[in-house]
Amino acid sequence: MRDYLSQIEQTIAATRGRCLLLGPRENIDGDLPPSVTSIAEWHQYPEIDGVFDTLLSIENLASSQDISNMLQSLLLFTHSESLLLFCDQTATPTKNAHPSRKDITGSMWSNGWTVIKCDRNTIGNGRRPSAYVSGIARPKRYQNQ
């Protein structure tokens, strides 16, 4: 659990510029770094305006009812250098995996995002440890851009 909390802290520390939180601000333990110039929260969608430098998900993608739609909608608020920072529980390709978990990075790849950094780990050592993934994604870049 200590490693997981450390990953969350590192993910939060990497935020910068205009930041879109995919969950409520009060769910973020600690402070966002001084490099964050403004904050908006995803629950304000569709009233959110403009583009963001950083999008931050701490368990928000994992809890989304429609992760594909959410990931596609987030693209509307990005520019070519925007980064999606994430630390979420995820599905694993094992027979003991939690059936309700979503494949976070697979969903990103199939919905307009390129995962440029990815670390996988587990919480606990039981028969069904909770797997999580943390990393960085950006909007896919196409040759005609």
N, C-alpha and C. Protein backbone atom coordinates (compact mmCIF):
# COMPACT_ATOMS: atom_id res chain seq x y z
N MET A 1 0.83 -1.20 0.00
CA MET A 1 0.00 0.00 0.00
C MET A 1 0.87 1.26 0.00
N ARG A 2 2.00 1.17 0.67
CA ARG A 2 2.91 2.31 0.74
C ARG A 2 3.40 2.71 -0.66
N ASP A 3 3.71 1.69 -1.50
CA ASP A 3 4.15 1.98 -2.87
C ASP A 3 3.04 2.66 -3.67
N TYR A 4 1.82 2.20 -3.48
CA TYR A 4 0.67 2.78 -4.19
C TYR A 4 0.50 4.25 -3.80
N LEU A 5 0.56 4.55 -2.51
CA LEU A 5 0.43 5.93 -2.05
C LEU A 5 1.58 6.80 -2.58
N SER A 6 2.75 6.22 -2.66
CA SER A 6 3.90 6.94 -3.22
C SER A 6 3.67 7.25 -4.71
N GLN A 7 3.11 6.30 -5.44
CA GLN A 7 2.80 6.53 -6.86
C GLN A 7 1.79 7.66 -7.02
N ILE A 8 0.80 7.69 -6.15
CA ILE A 8 -0.20 8.77 -6.19
C ILE A 8 0.48 10.11 -5.94
N GLU A 9 1.33 10.18 -4.94
CA GLU A 9 2.04 11.43 -4.65
C GLU A 9 2.88 11.89 -5.84
N GLN A 10 3.58 10.97 -6.48
CA GLN A 10 4.41 11.31 -7.64
C GLN A 10 3.55 11.79 -8.80
N THR A 11 2.41 11.15 -8.99
CA THR A 11 1.51 11.53 -10.07
C THR A 11 1.00 12.95 -9.84
N ILE A 12 0.56 13.25 -8.64
CA ILE A 12 0.07 14.59 -8.31
C ILE A 12 1.19 15.62 -8.46
N ALA A 13 2.39 15.27 -8.03
CA ALA A 13 3.52 16.20 -8.10
C ALA A 13 3.89 16.57 -9.53
N ALA A 14 3.52 15.76 -10.50
CA ALA A 14 3.87 16.02 -11.91
C ALA A 14 2.89 16.96 -12.60
N THR A 15 1.81 17.35 -11.95
CA THR A 15 0.84 18.25 -12.59
C THR A 15 1.46 19.63 -12.80
N ARG A 16 0.97 20.32 -13.86
CA ARG A 16 1.51 21.64 -14.19
C ARG A 16 0.48 22.41 -15.00
N GLY A 17 0.67 23.71 -15.08
CA GLY A 17 -0.17 24.57 -15.92
C GLY A 17 -1.64 24.50 -15.57
N ARG A 18 -2.48 24.66 -16.59
CA ARG A 18 -3.92 24.51 -16.39
C ARG A 18 -4.21 23.04 -16.16
N CYS A 19 -4.88 22.73 -15.08
CA CYS A 19 -5.08 21.34 -14.67
C CYS A 19 -6.57 21.01 -14.60
N LEU A 20 -6.93 19.89 -15.22
CA LEU A 20 -8.30 19.37 -15.15
C LEU A 20 -8.27 18.13 -14.27
N LEU A 21 -8.92 18.24 -13.11
CA LEU A 21 -9.03 17.10 -12.19
C LEU A 21 -10.22 16.26 -12.60
N LEU A 22 -10.03 14.97 -12.75
CA LEU A 22 -11.14 14.11 -13.15
C LEU A 22 -12.03 13.74 -11.97
N GLY A 23 -11.64 14.16 -10.79
CA GLY A 23 -12.45 13.97 -9.59
C GLY A 23 -12.48 15.27 -8.81
N PRO A 24 -13.21 15.30 -7.71
CA PRO A 24 -13.29 16.52 -6.91
C PRO A 24 -11.95 16.87 -6.25
N ARG A 25 -11.67 18.14 -6.14
CA ARG A 25 -10.43 18.64 -5.53
C ARG A 25 -10.24 18.08 -4.12
N GLU A 26 -11.33 17.96 -3.36
CA GLU A 26 -11.20 17.49 -1.99
C GLU A 26 -10.78 16.03 -1.89
N ASN A 27 -10.82 15.29 -2.98
CA ASN A 27 -10.36 13.91 -2.96
C ASN A 27 -8.85 13.79 -3.16
N ILE A 28 -8.18 14.89 -3.45
CA ILE A 28 -6.72 14.89 -3.62
C ILE A 28 -6.09 15.15 -2.26
N ASP A 29 -5.34 14.17 -1.76
CA ASP A 29 -4.63 14.37 -0.49
C ASP A 29 -3.42 15.25 -0.75
N GLY A 30 -3.25 16.26 0.06
CA GLY A 30 -2.12 17.16 -0.09
C GLY A 30 -2.41 18.27 -1.07
N ASP A 31 -1.37 19.02 -1.37
CA ASP A 31 -1.49 20.17 -2.25
C ASP A 31 -0.98 19.85 -3.65
N LEU A 32 -1.56 20.53 -4.61
CA LEU A 32 -1.02 20.46 -5.96
C LEU A 32 0.23 21.34 -5.99
N PRO A 33 1.18 21.03 -6.85
CA PRO A 33 2.42 21.81 -6.87
C PRO A 33 2.20 23.24 -7.35
N PRO A 34 3.14 24.13 -7.05
CA PRO A 34 3.03 25.53 -7.48
C PRO A 34 3.03 25.70 -9.00
N SER A 35 3.45 24.68 -9.73
CA SER A 35 3.46 24.76 -11.20
C SER A 35 2.04 24.72 -11.78
N VAL A 36 1.04 24.40 -10.96
CA VAL A 36 -0.35 24.42 -11.41
C VAL A 36 -0.85 25.85 -11.36
N THR A 37 -1.32 26.37 -12.50
CA THR A 37 -1.76 27.77 -12.57
C THR A 37 -3.26 27.93 -12.39
N SER A 38 -4.05 26.89 -12.72
CA SER A 38 -5.49 26.93 -12.51
C SER A 38 -6.02 25.50 -12.46
N ILE A 39 -7.19 25.36 -11.82
CA ILE A 39 -7.79 24.04 -11.63
C ILE A 39 -9.25 24.08 -12.05
N ALA A 40 -9.66 23.05 -12.78
CA ALA A 40 -11.07 22.82 -13.09
C ALA A 40 -11.37 21.37 -12.72
N GLU A 41 -12.63 21.08 -12.48
CA GLU A 41 -13.02 19.72 -12.11
C GLU A 41 -13.95 19.14 -13.16
N TRP A 42 -13.76 17.87 -13.48
CA TRP A 42 -14.50 17.20 -14.54
C TRP A 42 -16.01 17.22 -14.30
N HIS A 43 -16.43 17.19 -13.05
CA HIS A 43 -17.88 17.19 -12.78
C HIS A 43 -18.55 18.46 -13.31
N GLN A 44 -17.78 19.48 -13.64
CA GLN A 44 -18.34 20.71 -14.19
C GLN A 44 -18.64 20.58 -15.69
N TYR A 45 -18.25 19.46 -16.31
CA TYR A 45 -18.51 19.23 -17.73
C TYR A 45 -20.00 19.25 -17.97
N PRO A 46 -20.55 19.87 -18.96
CA PRO A 46 -19.92 20.44 -20.15
C PRO A 46 -19.61 21.94 -20.05
N GLU A 47 -19.68 22.51 -18.87
CA GLU A 47 -19.38 23.93 -18.73
C GLU A 47 -17.88 24.24 -18.72
N ILE A 48 -17.05 23.23 -18.77
CA ILE A 48 -15.60 23.43 -18.79
C ILE A 48 -15.24 24.16 -20.08
N ASP A 49 -14.31 25.09 -19.96
CA ASP A 49 -13.94 25.91 -21.11
C ASP A 49 -12.43 25.86 -21.35
N GLY A 50 -12.03 25.78 -22.58
CA GLY A 50 -10.62 25.85 -22.94
C GLY A 50 -9.92 24.51 -22.95
N VAL A 51 -8.60 24.57 -23.04
CA VAL A 51 -7.77 23.38 -23.05
C VAL A 51 -6.89 23.35 -21.81
N PHE A 52 -6.36 22.18 -21.50
CA PHE A 52 -5.60 21.99 -20.28
C PHE A 52 -4.23 21.40 -20.58
N ASP A 53 -3.27 21.77 -19.76
CA ASP A 53 -1.92 21.24 -19.90
C ASP A 53 -1.82 19.85 -19.27
N THR A 54 -2.53 19.67 -18.15
CA THR A 54 -2.50 18.42 -17.42
C THR A 54 -3.91 17.99 -17.07
N LEU A 55 -4.19 16.71 -17.28
CA LEU A 55 -5.43 16.09 -16.82
C LEU A 55 -5.00 15.06 -15.80
N LEU A 56 -5.68 14.99 -14.66
CA LEU A 56 -5.24 14.14 -13.55
C LEU A 56 -6.35 13.17 -13.14
N SER A 57 -6.01 11.87 -13.17
CA SER A 57 -6.93 10.83 -12.73
C SER A 57 -6.29 10.03 -11.60
N ILE A 58 -6.88 10.12 -10.43
CA ILE A 58 -6.52 9.26 -9.31
C ILE A 58 -7.77 8.43 -9.02
N GLU A 59 -7.82 7.24 -9.59
CA GLU A 59 -8.94 6.31 -9.48
C GLU A 59 -10.21 6.78 -10.19
N ASN A 60 -10.14 7.84 -10.99
CA ASN A 60 -11.34 8.35 -11.65
C ASN A 60 -11.66 7.59 -12.92
N LEU A 61 -10.66 7.21 -13.69
CA LEU A 61 -10.91 6.40 -14.88
C LEU A 61 -11.45 5.04 -14.47
N ALA A 62 -10.88 4.47 -13.42
CA ALA A 62 -11.31 3.15 -12.95
C ALA A 62 -12.77 3.15 -12.50
N SER A 63 -13.25 4.27 -12.00
CA SER A 63 -14.63 4.32 -11.50
C SER A 63 -15.62 4.87 -12.52
N SER A 64 -15.15 5.23 -13.69
CA SER A 64 -16.02 5.78 -14.73
C SER A 64 -17.02 4.72 -15.22
N GLN A 65 -18.27 5.13 -15.39
CA GLN A 65 -19.29 4.21 -15.91
C GLN A 65 -19.06 3.89 -17.38
N ASP A 66 -18.55 4.87 -18.14
CA ASP A 66 -18.29 4.69 -19.57
C ASP A 66 -16.91 5.27 -19.88
N ILE A 67 -15.88 4.49 -19.65
CA ILE A 67 -14.52 4.97 -19.78
C ILE A 67 -14.20 5.40 -21.22
N SER A 68 -14.75 4.69 -22.21
CA SER A 68 -14.49 5.06 -23.61
C SER A 68 -15.01 6.45 -23.91
N ASN A 69 -16.24 6.71 -23.54
CA ASN A 69 -16.83 8.03 -23.77
C ASN A 69 -16.07 9.11 -23.01
N MET A 70 -15.69 8.82 -21.77
CA MET A 70 -14.96 9.80 -20.97
C MET A 70 -13.62 10.14 -21.64
N LEU A 71 -12.87 9.12 -22.05
CA LEU A 71 -11.56 9.37 -22.68
C LEU A 71 -11.70 10.15 -23.98
N GLN A 72 -12.71 9.85 -24.76
CA GLN A 72 -12.94 10.60 -26.01
C GLN A 72 -13.35 12.03 -25.71
N SER A 73 -14.17 12.23 -24.71
CA SER A 73 -14.60 13.58 -24.33
C SER A 73 -13.42 14.41 -23.82
N LEU A 74 -12.51 13.79 -23.09
CA LEU A 74 -11.35 14.51 -22.56
C LEU A 74 -10.49 15.09 -23.68
N LEU A 75 -10.46 14.43 -24.83
CA LEU A 75 -9.65 14.92 -25.95
C LEU A 75 -10.07 16.32 -26.40
N LEU A 76 -11.32 16.69 -26.16
CA LEU A 76 -11.82 18.01 -26.53
C LEU A 76 -11.13 19.12 -25.74
N PHE A 77 -10.50 18.75 -24.62
CA PHE A 77 -9.91 19.74 -23.73
C PHE A 77 -8.38 19.66 -23.71
N THR A 78 -7.81 19.13 -24.78
CA THR A 78 -6.37 18.97 -24.85
C THR A 78 -5.78 19.74 -26.03
N HIS A 79 -4.48 19.98 -25.94
CA HIS A 79 -3.70 20.48 -27.07
C HIS A 79 -2.61 19.44 -27.31
N SER A 80 -1.75 19.65 -28.27
CA SER A 80 -0.79 18.63 -28.67
C SER A 80 0.20 18.26 -27.56
N GLU A 81 0.40 19.13 -26.59
CA GLU A 81 1.35 18.85 -25.51
C GLU A 81 0.67 18.50 -24.18
N SER A 82 -0.63 18.37 -24.18
CA SER A 82 -1.35 18.00 -22.95
C SER A 82 -0.95 16.61 -22.50
N LEU A 83 -0.96 16.41 -21.18
CA LEU A 83 -0.63 15.11 -20.61
C LEU A 83 -1.75 14.66 -19.68
N LEU A 84 -2.09 13.39 -19.78
CA LEU A 84 -3.03 12.76 -18.86
C LEU A 84 -2.20 11.93 -17.88
N LEU A 85 -2.18 12.36 -16.61
CA LEU A 85 -1.45 11.65 -15.56
C LEU A 85 -2.47 10.77 -14.84
N PHE A 86 -2.11 9.51 -14.61
CA PHE A 86 -3.09 8.60 -14.04
C PHE A 86 -2.47 7.64 -13.04
N CYS A 87 -3.27 7.25 -12.07
CA CYS A 87 -2.96 6.20 -11.11
C CYS A 87 -4.31 5.57 -10.78
N ASP A 88 -4.58 4.42 -11.38
CA ASP A 88 -5.90 3.80 -11.30
C ASP A 88 -5.78 2.30 -11.14
N GLN A 89 -6.74 1.70 -10.46
CA GLN A 89 -6.81 0.24 -10.43
C GLN A 89 -7.20 -0.23 -11.82
N THR A 90 -6.70 -1.38 -12.21
CA THR A 90 -6.89 -1.84 -13.58
C THR A 90 -7.12 -3.35 -13.62
N ALA A 91 -7.58 -3.82 -14.74
CA ALA A 91 -7.75 -5.25 -14.97
C ALA A 91 -6.38 -5.87 -15.23
N THR A 92 -6.27 -7.15 -14.95
CA THR A 92 -5.05 -7.89 -15.27
C THR A 92 -5.44 -9.14 -16.04
N PRO A 93 -4.57 -9.62 -16.89
CA PRO A 93 -4.91 -10.80 -17.70
C PRO A 93 -4.64 -12.12 -16.96
N THR A 94 -5.23 -12.28 -15.77
CA THR A 94 -5.08 -13.52 -15.03
C THR A 94 -6.44 -14.10 -14.71
N LYS A 95 -6.47 -15.39 -14.45
CA LYS A 95 -7.76 -16.02 -14.16
C LYS A 95 -8.35 -15.57 -12.82
N ASN A 96 -7.52 -15.06 -11.92
CA ASN A 96 -8.00 -14.59 -10.62
C ASN A 96 -8.29 -13.09 -10.60
N ALA A 97 -8.27 -12.45 -11.75
CA ALA A 97 -8.46 -11.00 -11.81
C ALA A 97 -9.87 -10.60 -11.40
N HIS A 98 -10.00 -9.40 -10.90
CA HIS A 98 -11.31 -8.85 -10.57
C HIS A 98 -12.10 -8.64 -11.86
N PRO A 99 -13.25 -9.28 -12.01
CA PRO A 99 -14.01 -9.16 -13.26
C PRO A 99 -14.58 -7.77 -13.51
N SER A 100 -14.73 -6.97 -12.46
CA SER A 100 -15.32 -5.64 -12.63
C SER A 100 -14.28 -4.58 -13.00
N ARG A 101 -13.00 -4.91 -12.99
CA ARG A 101 -11.96 -3.93 -13.32
C ARG A 101 -11.92 -3.67 -14.82
N LYS A 102 -11.55 -2.44 -15.15
CA LYS A 102 -11.40 -2.03 -16.54
C LYS A 102 -9.93 -2.05 -16.92
N ASP A 103 -9.65 -2.32 -18.18
CA ASP A 103 -8.28 -2.26 -18.70
C ASP A 103 -8.00 -0.79 -19.03
N ILE A 104 -7.36 -0.09 -18.11
CA ILE A 104 -7.17 1.36 -18.23
C ILE A 104 -6.32 1.70 -19.45
N THR A 105 -5.14 1.12 -19.56
CA THR A 105 -4.26 1.49 -20.68
C THR A 105 -4.81 1.00 -22.02
N GLY A 106 -5.43 -0.15 -22.04
CA GLY A 106 -6.06 -0.63 -23.27
C GLY A 106 -7.17 0.31 -23.73
N SER A 107 -7.93 0.80 -22.77
CA SER A 107 -9.00 1.76 -23.10
C SER A 107 -8.42 3.06 -23.65
N MET A 108 -7.29 3.49 -23.08
CA MET A 108 -6.64 4.70 -23.59
C MET A 108 -6.24 4.52 -25.05
N TRP A 109 -5.55 3.42 -25.33
CA TRP A 109 -5.06 3.16 -26.69
C TRP A 109 -6.21 3.14 -27.70
N SER A 110 -7.33 2.58 -27.33
CA SER A 110 -8.42 2.46 -28.29
C SER A 110 -9.33 3.69 -28.33
N ASN A 111 -9.02 4.72 -27.55
CA ASN A 111 -9.86 5.91 -27.52
C ASN A 111 -9.08 7.20 -27.70
N GLY A 112 -8.05 7.17 -28.53
CA GLY A 112 -7.38 8.41 -28.93
C GLY A 112 -6.20 8.84 -28.10
N TRP A 113 -5.69 7.99 -27.23
CA TRP A 113 -4.57 8.34 -26.36
C TRP A 113 -3.38 7.43 -26.62
N THR A 114 -2.19 7.97 -26.45
CA THR A 114 -0.96 7.20 -26.52
C THR A 114 -0.35 7.17 -25.13
N VAL A 115 -0.13 5.98 -24.59
CA VAL A 115 0.50 5.83 -23.29
C VAL A 115 2.01 5.94 -23.50
N ILE A 116 2.62 6.96 -22.88
CA ILE A 116 4.05 7.18 -23.10
C ILE A 116 4.90 6.75 -21.90
N LYS A 117 4.25 6.48 -20.77
CA LYS A 117 4.95 5.93 -19.59
C LYS A 117 3.92 5.12 -18.82
N CYS A 118 4.35 3.94 -18.37
CA CYS A 118 3.39 3.07 -17.69
C CYS A 118 4.12 2.19 -16.69
N ASP A 119 3.65 2.19 -15.45
CA ASP A 119 4.15 1.30 -14.41
C ASP A 119 2.97 0.51 -13.86
N ARG A 120 3.18 -0.79 -13.68
CA ARG A 120 2.14 -1.66 -13.13
C ARG A 120 2.62 -2.26 -11.83
N ASN A 121 1.69 -2.44 -10.89
CA ASN A 121 2.03 -3.03 -9.61
C ASN A 121 0.76 -3.57 -8.98
N THR A 122 0.89 -4.14 -7.80
CA THR A 122 -0.27 -4.65 -7.09
C THR A 122 -0.28 -4.13 -5.66
N ILE A 123 -1.47 -4.16 -5.09
CA ILE A 123 -1.65 -3.82 -3.67
C ILE A 123 -2.05 -5.12 -2.99
N GLY A 124 -1.26 -5.57 -2.05
CA GLY A 124 -1.56 -6.80 -1.34
C GLY A 124 -0.91 -8.02 -1.98
N ASN A 125 -0.98 -9.14 -1.26
CA ASN A 125 -0.34 -10.37 -1.73
C ASN A 125 -1.28 -11.55 -1.76
N GLY A 126 -2.56 -11.34 -1.61
CA GLY A 126 -3.52 -12.45 -1.56
C GLY A 126 -3.73 -13.11 -2.91
N ARG A 127 -4.74 -13.98 -2.98
CA ARG A 127 -5.07 -14.67 -4.23
C ARG A 127 -5.52 -13.70 -5.31
N ARG A 128 -6.15 -12.62 -4.90
CA ARG A 128 -6.64 -11.62 -5.86
C ARG A 128 -6.15 -10.23 -5.46
N PRO A 129 -4.84 -9.98 -5.55
CA PRO A 129 -4.35 -8.64 -5.21
C PRO A 129 -4.90 -7.61 -6.19
N SER A 130 -5.09 -6.40 -5.73
CA SER A 130 -5.58 -5.33 -6.59
C SER A 130 -4.43 -4.81 -7.44
N ALA A 131 -4.61 -4.87 -8.75
CA ALA A 131 -3.59 -4.35 -9.66
C ALA A 131 -3.88 -2.89 -9.95
N TYR A 132 -2.82 -2.11 -10.09
CA TYR A 132 -3.00 -0.72 -10.48
C TYR A 132 -1.95 -0.36 -11.52
N VAL A 133 -2.26 0.69 -12.24
CA VAL A 133 -1.38 1.19 -13.28
C VAL A 133 -1.23 2.69 -13.07
N SER A 134 -0.01 3.17 -13.24
CA SER A 134 0.21 4.62 -13.16
C SER A 134 1.09 5.01 -14.33
N GLY A 135 0.94 6.25 -14.75
CA GLY A 135 1.76 6.69 -15.87
C GLY A 135 1.29 7.97 -16.50
N ILE A 136 1.69 8.12 -17.76
CA ILE A 136 1.42 9.34 -18.51
C ILE A 136 0.92 8.96 -19.90
N ALA A 137 -0.10 9.65 -20.35
CA ALA A 137 -0.60 9.48 -21.72
C ALA A 137 -0.74 10.86 -22.35
N ARG A 138 -0.78 10.89 -23.66
CA ARG A 138 -1.01 12.14 -24.38
C ARG A 138 -1.96 11.84 -25.53
N PRO A 139 -2.58 12.87 -26.08
CA PRO A 139 -3.44 12.64 -27.25
C PRO A 139 -2.61 12.05 -28.38
N LYS A 140 -3.20 11.09 -29.11
CA LYS A 140 -2.49 10.49 -30.24
C LYS A 140 -2.15 11.57 -31.26
N ARG A 141 -1.00 11.42 -31.86
CA ARG A 141 -0.55 12.34 -32.90
C ARG A 141 -0.65 11.62 -34.23
N TYR A 142 -1.31 12.23 -35.15
CA TYR A 142 -1.50 11.66 -36.48
C TYR A 142 -0.65 12.40 -37.49
N GLN A 143 -0.28 11.74 -38.57
CA GLN A 143 0.62 12.33 -39.54
C GLN A 143 0.10 13.62 -40.16
N ASN A 144 -1.19 13.78 -40.27
CA ASN A 144 -1.75 14.99 -40.89
C ASN A 144 -1.83 16.17 -39.91
N GLN A 145 -1.29 16.02 -38.73
CA GLN A 145 -1.32 17.13 -37.75
C GLN A 145 -0.07 17.94 -37.85
